[in-house]
């Protein structure tokens, strides 16, 4: 079977809550302390997956991590019942739902050994995310155990790596050799730059990428300071199309020149700051959308409802489509629960170009398998979580039971004891 792009959506876990743990993520900090709706959140994510299937895309799923993370708390010489409230919140975080931060992926056509390489992100900048990688590594090594893949441990601290959210790939077709672009930060004013160039360079070397077809590009300080904590909040790429805000990159002219040299057929779609401000782009998550190739060969953009609700953004998009721009279709999805915690449609997926027959079938989904997941979510996921409930032992038992029920239903019991 030929190589195709598989979108692995992170299922929003039963511990989804609004603890406001991520400085620089404006939505997450703005909604700190609000009452979350884990069941609705998971169902919204599943509905997005169904919409992608209806578009003709190949879909997979990545599963919630064990929460609370008792191993992490044990490394801090405490347990959940006795941990300080901020440690309880960090141990309970459901942020692994944002699968774009799981790993950086280089497809087989780009690598020296002709295998698809995945390097798990270390996420060391934020304490609540820094303990995700062992469970991510275990899950990816299970899903991609076939010899067609190589799954690597994270780059070492202190070099921050936040995965595919800071990585883009352009290629004439998914199965053709591409240009890989690693976007890093140096400074973000009041907020940390989470992706370090040293980590990106280590990933590129580990994946055996051709240096002549690999670019390292600095994200603009203005974008980070405005709340673009990852590059995918201000830029996204797919096929021949780079879709970016005018203020996404520190030296956009040099980047565009280098990109056109490596890929003359590239189509750069830049949104002018005069028409859509950085603030509107970030609030609407215009660029944290899934830019995809549908079976017709045309490019579609899968957007959150917030993009449609932001006048400057929707006006620009409508004009682009009416003017026969490279993006031909706009698909709007409701992921409001994820958006309120700072993650849009693109945050919720990890794209892997591969032959689906080489992937563990338990991690691929169709309508029937999604029906199975919906049944577990509706039965076991908490309806709401208020911040003053996170220390409640009954809530913790329900969260842990919910995850076990999901893994048993999907037949992925190897992960239950993680």
Protein backbone atom coordinates (compact mmCIF):
# COMPACT_ATOMS: atom_id res chain seq x y z
CA UNK A 1 0.00 0.00 0.00
CA UNK A 2 1.37 3.49 -0.77
CA UNK A 3 2.37 5.91 1.96
CA UNK A 4 -0.46 8.14 3.19
CA UNK A 5 -0.77 10.77 5.88
CA UNK A 6 -2.39 9.34 8.99
CA UNK A 7 -3.73 11.84 11.51
CA UNK A 8 -3.47 10.36 15.01
CA UNK A 9 -5.88 12.32 17.20
CA UNK A 10 -5.23 12.54 20.91
CA UNK A 11 -8.31 11.40 22.84
CA UNK A 12 -9.07 13.97 25.55
CA UNK A 13 -8.67 12.17 28.82
CA UNK A 14 -10.99 11.89 31.83
CA UNK A 15 -8.80 14.21 33.93
CA UNK A 16 -9.25 17.19 31.56
CA UNK A 17 -9.35 20.27 33.79
CA UNK A 18 -8.49 23.97 33.78
CA UNK A 19 -5.58 24.44 36.17
CA UNK A 20 -3.87 27.18 34.12
CA UNK A 21 -0.47 25.49 34.22
CA UNK A 22 1.05 26.90 31.02
CA UNK A 23 2.46 30.47 31.08
CA UNK A 24 2.41 31.92 27.58
CA UNK A 25 -0.68 29.94 26.61
CA UNK A 26 -3.17 32.76 26.92
CA UNK A 27 -6.31 30.64 26.71
CA UNK A 28 -5.09 28.24 29.39
CA UNK A 29 -4.19 30.98 31.84
CA UNK A 30 -7.35 32.99 31.08
CA UNK A 31 -9.57 30.01 31.93
CA UNK A 32 -7.64 28.92 35.01
CA UNK A 33 -10.04 27.74 37.69
CA UNK A 34 -13.01 27.28 35.38
CA UNK A 35 -15.15 24.14 35.52
CA UNK A 36 -14.14 21.72 32.77
CA UNK A 37 -16.29 19.16 30.96
CA UNK A 38 -14.15 16.07 30.26
CA UNK A 39 -16.98 14.05 28.71
CA UNK A 40 -18.01 16.82 26.32
CA UNK A 41 -14.35 17.52 25.53
CA UNK A 42 -13.68 13.93 24.50
CA UNK A 43 -16.87 13.75 22.44
CA UNK A 44 -15.93 16.99 20.65
CA UNK A 45 -12.55 15.50 19.76
CA UNK A 46 -14.16 12.30 18.50
CA UNK A 47 -16.58 14.33 16.38
CA UNK A 48 -13.57 16.04 14.78
CA UNK A 49 -12.09 12.61 14.01
CA UNK A 50 -15.39 11.52 12.43
CA UNK A 51 -15.44 14.69 10.31
CA UNK A 52 -11.94 13.88 9.07
CA UNK A 53 -13.01 10.36 8.16
CA UNK A 54 -15.91 11.84 6.21
CA UNK A 55 -13.40 13.95 4.26
CA UNK A 56 -11.62 10.74 3.23
CA UNK A 57 -8.63 11.11 5.59
CA UNK A 58 -6.95 8.17 7.33
CA UNK A 59 -7.33 8.45 11.10
CA UNK A 60 -5.68 6.99 14.16
CA UNK A 61 -5.94 7.57 17.90
CA UNK A 62 -3.52 8.19 20.75
CA UNK A 63 -4.73 7.38 24.23
CA UNK A 64 -4.85 9.23 27.55
CA UNK A 65 -1.92 8.77 29.88
CA UNK A 66 -2.33 7.36 33.40
CA UNK A 67 -3.44 10.20 35.64
CA UNK A 68 -2.53 11.07 38.29
CA UNK A 69 1.06 10.21 37.39
CA UNK A 70 1.99 8.26 40.50
CA UNK A 71 5.49 7.46 39.22
CA UNK A 72 6.28 11.15 38.85
CA UNK A 73 4.95 11.93 42.31
CA UNK A 74 6.98 9.06 43.74
CA UNK A 75 10.12 10.60 42.20
CA UNK A 76 9.25 13.69 44.25
CA UNK A 77 8.96 11.55 47.42
CA UNK A 78 5.24 12.11 47.80
CA UNK A 79 1.90 10.64 46.80
CA UNK A 80 -1.26 12.21 45.43
CA UNK A 81 -3.09 12.41 48.75
CA UNK A 82 -0.22 14.24 50.44
CA UNK A 83 1.12 16.29 47.53
CA UNK A 84 0.87 20.06 47.51
CA UNK A 85 -2.08 21.33 45.41
CA UNK A 86 0.17 22.57 42.59
CA UNK A 87 1.82 19.14 42.38
CA UNK A 88 -1.59 17.46 42.36
CA UNK A 89 -2.62 19.65 39.43
CA UNK A 90 0.61 18.92 37.53
CA UNK A 91 0.26 15.18 38.15
CA UNK A 92 -3.38 15.21 36.99
CA UNK A 93 -2.90 17.22 33.78
CA UNK A 94 -4.52 15.77 30.66
CA UNK A 95 -2.20 17.74 28.36
CA UNK A 96 -1.00 14.61 26.54
CA UNK A 97 -4.25 15.00 24.58
CA UNK A 98 -2.35 17.49 22.42
CA UNK A 99 -0.72 14.87 20.25
CA UNK A 100 1.16 17.47 18.18
CA UNK A 101 3.54 17.63 21.15
CA UNK A 102 4.03 13.87 21.35
CA UNK A 103 6.91 13.61 18.88
CA UNK A 104 8.59 14.95 15.76
CA UNK A 105 8.01 12.74 12.71
CA UNK A 106 10.19 12.37 9.60
CA UNK A 107 8.66 10.12 6.92
CA UNK A 108 10.65 7.42 5.17
CA UNK A 109 11.24 9.41 1.93
CA UNK A 110 13.26 11.98 3.91
CA UNK A 111 15.49 9.71 6.01
CA UNK A 112 18.82 8.08 5.29
CA UNK A 113 17.66 4.55 6.15
CA UNK A 114 14.26 4.74 4.43
CA UNK A 115 12.31 4.32 7.65
CA UNK A 116 9.84 6.66 9.33
CA UNK A 117 11.50 8.14 12.42
CA UNK A 118 9.66 9.50 15.47
CA UNK A 119 11.52 11.33 18.26
CA UNK A 120 9.50 11.71 21.43
CA UNK A 121 9.41 15.30 22.74
CA UNK A 122 10.86 15.98 26.18
CA UNK A 123 8.55 18.94 27.01
CA UNK A 124 10.96 20.00 29.75
CA UNK A 125 9.90 23.67 29.86
CA UNK A 126 6.63 23.07 31.70
CA UNK A 127 6.58 20.84 34.83
CA UNK A 128 3.11 19.45 34.10
CA UNK A 129 4.26 18.25 30.67
CA UNK A 130 7.82 17.22 31.53
CA UNK A 131 6.67 13.83 32.83
CA UNK A 132 4.64 12.88 29.73
CA UNK A 133 7.43 11.42 27.64
CA UNK A 134 7.83 7.94 29.23
CA UNK A 135 4.18 7.09 28.58
CA UNK A 136 4.31 8.65 25.12
CA UNK A 137 7.38 6.58 24.32
CA UNK A 138 5.70 3.37 25.50
CA UNK A 139 2.60 4.08 23.43
CA UNK A 140 4.46 5.02 20.24
CA UNK A 141 6.73 2.00 20.48
CA UNK A 142 3.62 -0.16 20.66
CA UNK A 143 1.80 1.56 17.80
CA UNK A 144 4.89 1.72 15.57
CA UNK A 145 6.65 -1.53 16.44
CA UNK A 146 7.00 -2.53 12.78
CA UNK A 147 10.50 -2.38 11.27
CA UNK A 148 9.26 0.40 8.99
CA UNK A 149 9.65 2.75 11.99
CA UNK A 150 12.25 3.89 14.46
CA UNK A 151 10.95 5.47 17.68
CA UNK A 152 13.55 7.43 19.63
CA UNK A 153 13.85 8.62 23.22
CA UNK A 154 13.76 12.38 23.81
CA UNK A 155 16.59 14.85 23.40
CA UNK A 156 18.22 15.54 26.77
CA UNK A 157 17.39 18.42 29.07
CA UNK A 158 17.88 21.35 29.24
CA UNK A 159 17.24 21.60 25.49
CA UNK A 160 13.48 21.99 25.18
CA UNK A 161 11.67 20.02 22.47
CA UNK A 162 7.90 20.29 22.02
CA UNK A 163 7.54 18.02 19.01
CA UNK A 164 5.62 18.39 15.77
CA UNK A 165 4.04 21.67 16.90
CA UNK A 166 7.37 23.28 15.93
CA UNK A 167 8.05 21.23 12.82
CA UNK A 168 6.69 21.52 9.29
CA UNK A 169 7.14 19.45 6.15
CA UNK A 170 6.54 20.37 2.52
CA UNK A 171 6.55 17.87 -0.35
CA UNK A 172 4.91 17.59 -3.76
CA UNK A 173 3.11 14.49 -2.48
CA UNK A 174 3.15 12.82 0.92
CA UNK A 175 5.26 9.91 -0.38
CA UNK A 176 7.82 12.13 -2.16
CA UNK A 177 11.04 13.44 -0.56
CA UNK A 178 10.28 16.66 1.27
CA UNK A 179 11.76 19.75 2.87
CA UNK A 180 11.67 19.60 6.67
CA UNK A 181 11.48 22.85 8.63
CA UNK A 182 12.31 23.08 12.32
CA UNK A 183 11.13 26.28 14.02
CA UNK A 184 12.85 27.31 17.26
CA UNK A 185 12.66 30.29 19.61
CA UNK A 186 15.28 32.44 21.30
CA UNK A 187 13.17 34.84 23.34
CA UNK A 188 9.52 35.56 23.84
CA UNK A 189 9.65 38.61 26.05
CA UNK A 190 7.57 37.74 29.13
CA UNK A 191 7.09 34.12 28.03
CA UNK A 192 9.59 31.28 27.56
CA UNK A 193 10.70 30.10 24.14
CA UNK A 194 9.92 26.40 24.42
CA UNK A 195 11.66 24.97 21.36
CA UNK A 196 15.47 25.09 21.40
CA UNK A 197 17.51 24.92 18.24
CA UNK A 198 19.88 22.39 19.83
CA UNK A 199 17.00 19.95 20.33
CA UNK A 200 15.75 20.43 16.76
CA UNK A 201 19.24 19.85 15.35
CA UNK A 202 19.60 16.68 17.44
CA UNK A 203 16.30 15.35 16.09
CA UNK A 204 17.32 16.10 12.50
CA UNK A 205 20.62 14.27 12.94
CA UNK A 206 18.94 11.31 14.65
CA UNK A 207 16.44 11.00 11.80
CA UNK A 208 19.18 10.99 9.19
CA UNK A 209 17.82 14.01 7.33
CA UNK A 210 19.67 15.52 4.39
CA UNK A 211 21.15 18.82 5.65
CA UNK A 212 20.67 20.27 2.19
CA UNK A 213 16.88 19.81 2.49
CA UNK A 214 16.48 20.78 6.14
CA UNK A 215 15.85 24.32 7.40
CA UNK A 216 16.14 25.73 10.91
CA UNK A 217 14.05 28.87 11.23
CA UNK A 218 13.64 31.23 14.17
CA UNK A 219 10.15 32.07 15.36
CA UNK A 220 9.64 35.79 15.87
CA UNK A 221 9.89 37.14 19.39
CA UNK A 222 6.73 39.15 18.72
CA UNK A 223 4.77 35.97 17.99
CA UNK A 224 5.88 34.26 21.21
CA UNK A 225 5.22 37.39 23.26
CA UNK A 226 1.72 37.61 21.74
CA UNK A 227 0.89 34.07 22.87
CA UNK A 228 2.18 31.85 20.03
CA UNK A 229 3.85 29.42 22.41
CA UNK A 230 4.30 26.96 19.51
CA UNK A 231 4.95 27.66 15.85
CA UNK A 232 1.70 25.92 14.89
CA UNK A 233 -0.21 28.83 16.43
CA UNK A 234 1.12 31.10 13.64
CA UNK A 235 2.08 28.76 10.78
CA UNK A 236 1.19 25.38 9.27
CA UNK A 237 2.33 23.52 6.15
CA UNK A 238 1.07 20.69 3.99
CA UNK A 239 1.94 19.45 0.51
CA UNK A 240 3.12 22.45 -1.49
CA UNK A 241 1.39 25.01 0.75
CA UNK A 242 2.92 27.05 3.57
CA UNK A 243 0.21 29.00 5.42
CA UNK A 244 1.62 31.59 7.82
CA UNK A 245 1.06 34.92 9.48
CA UNK A 246 3.21 37.79 8.28
CA UNK A 247 4.81 38.06 11.74
CA UNK A 248 5.42 34.35 12.34
CA UNK A 249 9.16 34.28 11.65
CA UNK A 250 12.11 36.38 12.77
CA UNK A 251 13.52 36.66 9.22
CA UNK A 252 10.69 35.70 6.92
CA UNK A 253 12.36 37.02 3.74
CA UNK A 254 15.40 34.81 4.19
CA UNK A 255 13.21 31.83 5.09
CA UNK A 256 11.00 32.27 2.04
CA UNK A 257 14.06 32.65 -0.22
CA UNK A 258 15.63 29.46 1.15
CA UNK A 259 12.35 27.58 0.85
CA UNK A 260 11.76 28.64 -2.74
CA UNK A 261 15.30 27.59 -3.60
CA UNK A 262 14.72 24.11 -2.19
CA UNK A 263 11.15 23.79 -3.48
CA UNK A 264 10.41 26.16 -6.39
CA UNK A 265 6.81 24.92 -6.63
CA UNK A 266 5.97 25.95 -3.04
CA UNK A 267 2.86 28.11 -2.59
CA UNK A 268 3.33 30.56 0.27
CA UNK A 269 0.04 31.87 1.62
CA UNK A 270 0.83 34.72 3.99
CA UNK A 271 -1.85 36.50 5.99
CA UNK A 272 -1.00 40.21 6.33
CA UNK A 273 -0.91 41.71 9.81
CA UNK A 274 -2.85 44.67 8.44
CA UNK A 275 -5.83 42.39 7.75
CA UNK A 276 -5.52 39.89 10.61
CA UNK A 277 -3.61 40.99 13.70
CA UNK A 278 -1.42 38.61 15.66
CA UNK A 279 -3.93 38.94 18.49
CA UNK A 280 -6.84 37.85 16.27
CA UNK A 281 -4.82 35.03 14.70
CA UNK A 282 -3.87 33.66 18.12
CA UNK A 283 -7.28 34.12 19.74
CA UNK A 284 -9.02 32.38 16.82
CA UNK A 285 -6.32 29.72 16.29
CA UNK A 286 -6.49 30.43 12.57
CA UNK A 287 -3.18 28.65 12.01
CA UNK A 288 -3.67 25.95 14.62
CA UNK A 289 -5.86 24.30 12.02
CA UNK A 290 -5.32 21.08 10.12
CA UNK A 291 -4.10 21.85 6.61
CA UNK A 292 -4.79 18.63 4.71
CA UNK A 293 -4.96 17.14 1.24
CA UNK A 294 -8.35 15.55 0.57
CA UNK A 295 -8.83 12.68 -1.94
CA UNK A 296 -9.61 15.13 -4.78
CA UNK A 297 -6.06 16.44 -4.42
CA UNK A 298 -7.29 19.82 -3.19
CA UNK A 299 -6.20 21.49 0.05
CA UNK A 300 -8.66 21.88 2.92
CA UNK A 301 -8.34 23.75 6.21
CA UNK A 302 -9.99 22.25 9.30
CA UNK A 303 -10.70 25.19 11.61
CA UNK A 304 -12.12 25.73 15.09
CA UNK A 305 -15.43 27.53 15.40
CA UNK A 306 -13.52 30.44 16.95
CA UNK A 307 -12.01 31.19 13.53
CA UNK A 308 -15.47 31.56 12.00
CA UNK A 309 -16.51 33.74 14.93
CA UNK A 310 -13.62 36.20 14.49
CA UNK A 311 -14.66 38.71 11.81
CA UNK A 312 -11.19 39.63 10.52
CA UNK A 313 -10.19 35.98 10.22
CA UNK A 314 -13.37 34.77 8.53
CA UNK A 315 -13.38 37.71 6.12
CA UNK A 316 -9.81 36.92 5.06
CA UNK A 317 -10.56 33.21 4.64
CA UNK A 318 -13.67 33.81 2.56
CA UNK A 319 -11.77 36.20 0.29
CA UNK A 320 -8.94 33.69 -0.13
CA UNK A 321 -11.28 30.88 -1.18
CA UNK A 322 -13.31 33.18 -3.46
CA UNK A 323 -10.06 34.32 -5.08
CA UNK A 324 -9.10 30.74 -5.97
CA UNK A 325 -6.24 30.62 -3.49
CA UNK A 326 -4.44 27.34 -2.76
CA UNK A 327 -6.78 26.55 0.16
CA UNK A 328 -10.01 25.46 -1.50
CA UNK A 329 -12.19 24.17 1.34
CA UNK A 330 -12.95 25.38 4.87
CA UNK A 331 -14.20 22.81 7.38
CA UNK A 332 -15.29 24.12 10.80
CA UNK A 333 -15.24 21.89 13.90
CA UNK A 334 -16.26 22.47 17.52
CA UNK A 335 -13.39 21.73 19.91
CA UNK A 336 -14.28 24.46 22.41
CA UNK A 337 -13.24 22.47 25.48
CA UNK A 338 -9.74 21.95 24.07
CA UNK A 339 -9.58 25.55 22.84
CA UNK A 340 -10.40 26.84 26.32
CA UNK A 341 -7.27 25.04 27.56
CA UNK A 342 -5.15 26.39 24.70
CA UNK A 343 -5.24 23.71 21.99
CA UNK A 344 -6.99 23.74 18.62
CA UNK A 345 -7.55 21.11 15.91
CA UNK A 346 -3.86 20.95 14.99
CA UNK A 347 -2.78 20.54 18.63
CA UNK A 348 -4.98 17.46 18.89
CA UNK A 349 -3.25 15.49 16.13
CA UNK A 350 0.10 13.93 15.25
CA UNK A 351 0.53 13.42 11.50
CA UNK A 352 2.49 10.34 10.42
CA UNK A 353 3.17 9.54 6.76
CA UNK A 354 3.26 5.74 6.56
CA UNK A 355 1.69 2.62 5.12
CA UNK A 356 -1.32 1.96 7.41
CA UNK A 357 -0.61 -1.77 7.16
CA UNK A 358 2.62 -1.22 9.12
CA UNK A 359 0.81 0.41 12.07
CA UNK A 360 -0.64 -1.60 14.96
CA UNK A 361 -4.29 -1.81 13.85
CA UNK A 362 -5.54 -1.15 17.36
CA UNK A 363 -4.43 2.48 16.98
CA UNK A 364 -6.32 3.06 13.72
CA UNK A 365 -9.99 3.99 13.78
CA UNK A 366 -13.11 3.76 11.68
CA UNK A 367 -16.71 4.60 12.56
CA UNK A 368 -17.28 1.34 14.42
CA UNK A 369 -14.17 1.74 16.55
CA UNK A 370 -15.12 5.32 17.34
CA UNK A 371 -18.57 4.10 18.40
CA UNK A 372 -16.79 1.82 20.87
CA UNK A 373 -14.78 4.74 22.26
CA UNK A 374 -17.89 6.91 22.53
CA UNK A 375 -19.60 4.22 24.59
CA UNK A 376 -16.73 4.15 27.10
CA UNK A 377 -16.54 7.95 27.29
CA UNK A 378 -20.26 8.34 27.86
CA UNK A 379 -20.22 5.74 30.62
CA UNK A 380 -16.98 6.58 32.43
CA UNK A 381 -15.72 10.11 31.75
CA UNK A 382 -16.63 12.67 34.45
CA UNK A 383 -19.21 15.19 33.29
CA UNK A 384 -17.44 18.09 35.03
CA UNK A 385 -14.34 18.79 37.10
CA UNK A 386 -14.09 21.89 39.30
CA UNK A 387 -10.66 22.90 40.56
CA UNK A 388 -11.62 22.36 44.19
CA UNK A 389 -12.41 18.71 43.33
CA UNK A 390 -8.97 17.63 42.15
CA UNK A 391 -8.05 16.32 45.59
CA UNK A 392 -11.21 14.21 45.87
CA UNK A 393 -10.29 10.49 46.11
CA UNK A 394 -13.61 9.50 44.48
CA UNK A 395 -12.78 11.63 41.43
CA UNK A 396 -9.33 10.09 41.18
CA UNK A 397 -10.79 6.56 41.31
CA UNK A 398 -13.23 7.46 38.55
CA UNK A 399 -10.48 8.88 36.34
CA UNK A 400 -8.31 5.81 36.77
CA UNK A 401 -11.23 3.43 36.21
CA UNK A 402 -12.21 5.31 33.04
CA UNK A 403 -8.80 4.91 31.44
CA UNK A 404 -8.62 1.20 32.29
CA UNK A 405 -12.09 0.66 30.81
CA UNK A 406 -10.99 2.35 27.58
CA UNK A 407 -7.83 0.29 27.22
CA UNK A 408 -9.73 -2.92 27.89
CA UNK A 409 -12.41 -2.02 25.35
CA UNK A 410 -9.77 -1.29 22.70
CA UNK A 411 -7.71 -4.38 23.53
CA UNK A 412 -4.59 -2.34 24.34
CA UNK A 413 -4.11 -3.84 27.77
CA UNK A 414 -0.32 -3.55 27.61
CA UNK A 415 -0.69 0.09 28.65
CA UNK A 416 -2.95 -0.45 31.67
CA UNK A 417 -0.13 -0.79 34.18
CA UNK A 418 1.84 2.18 32.85
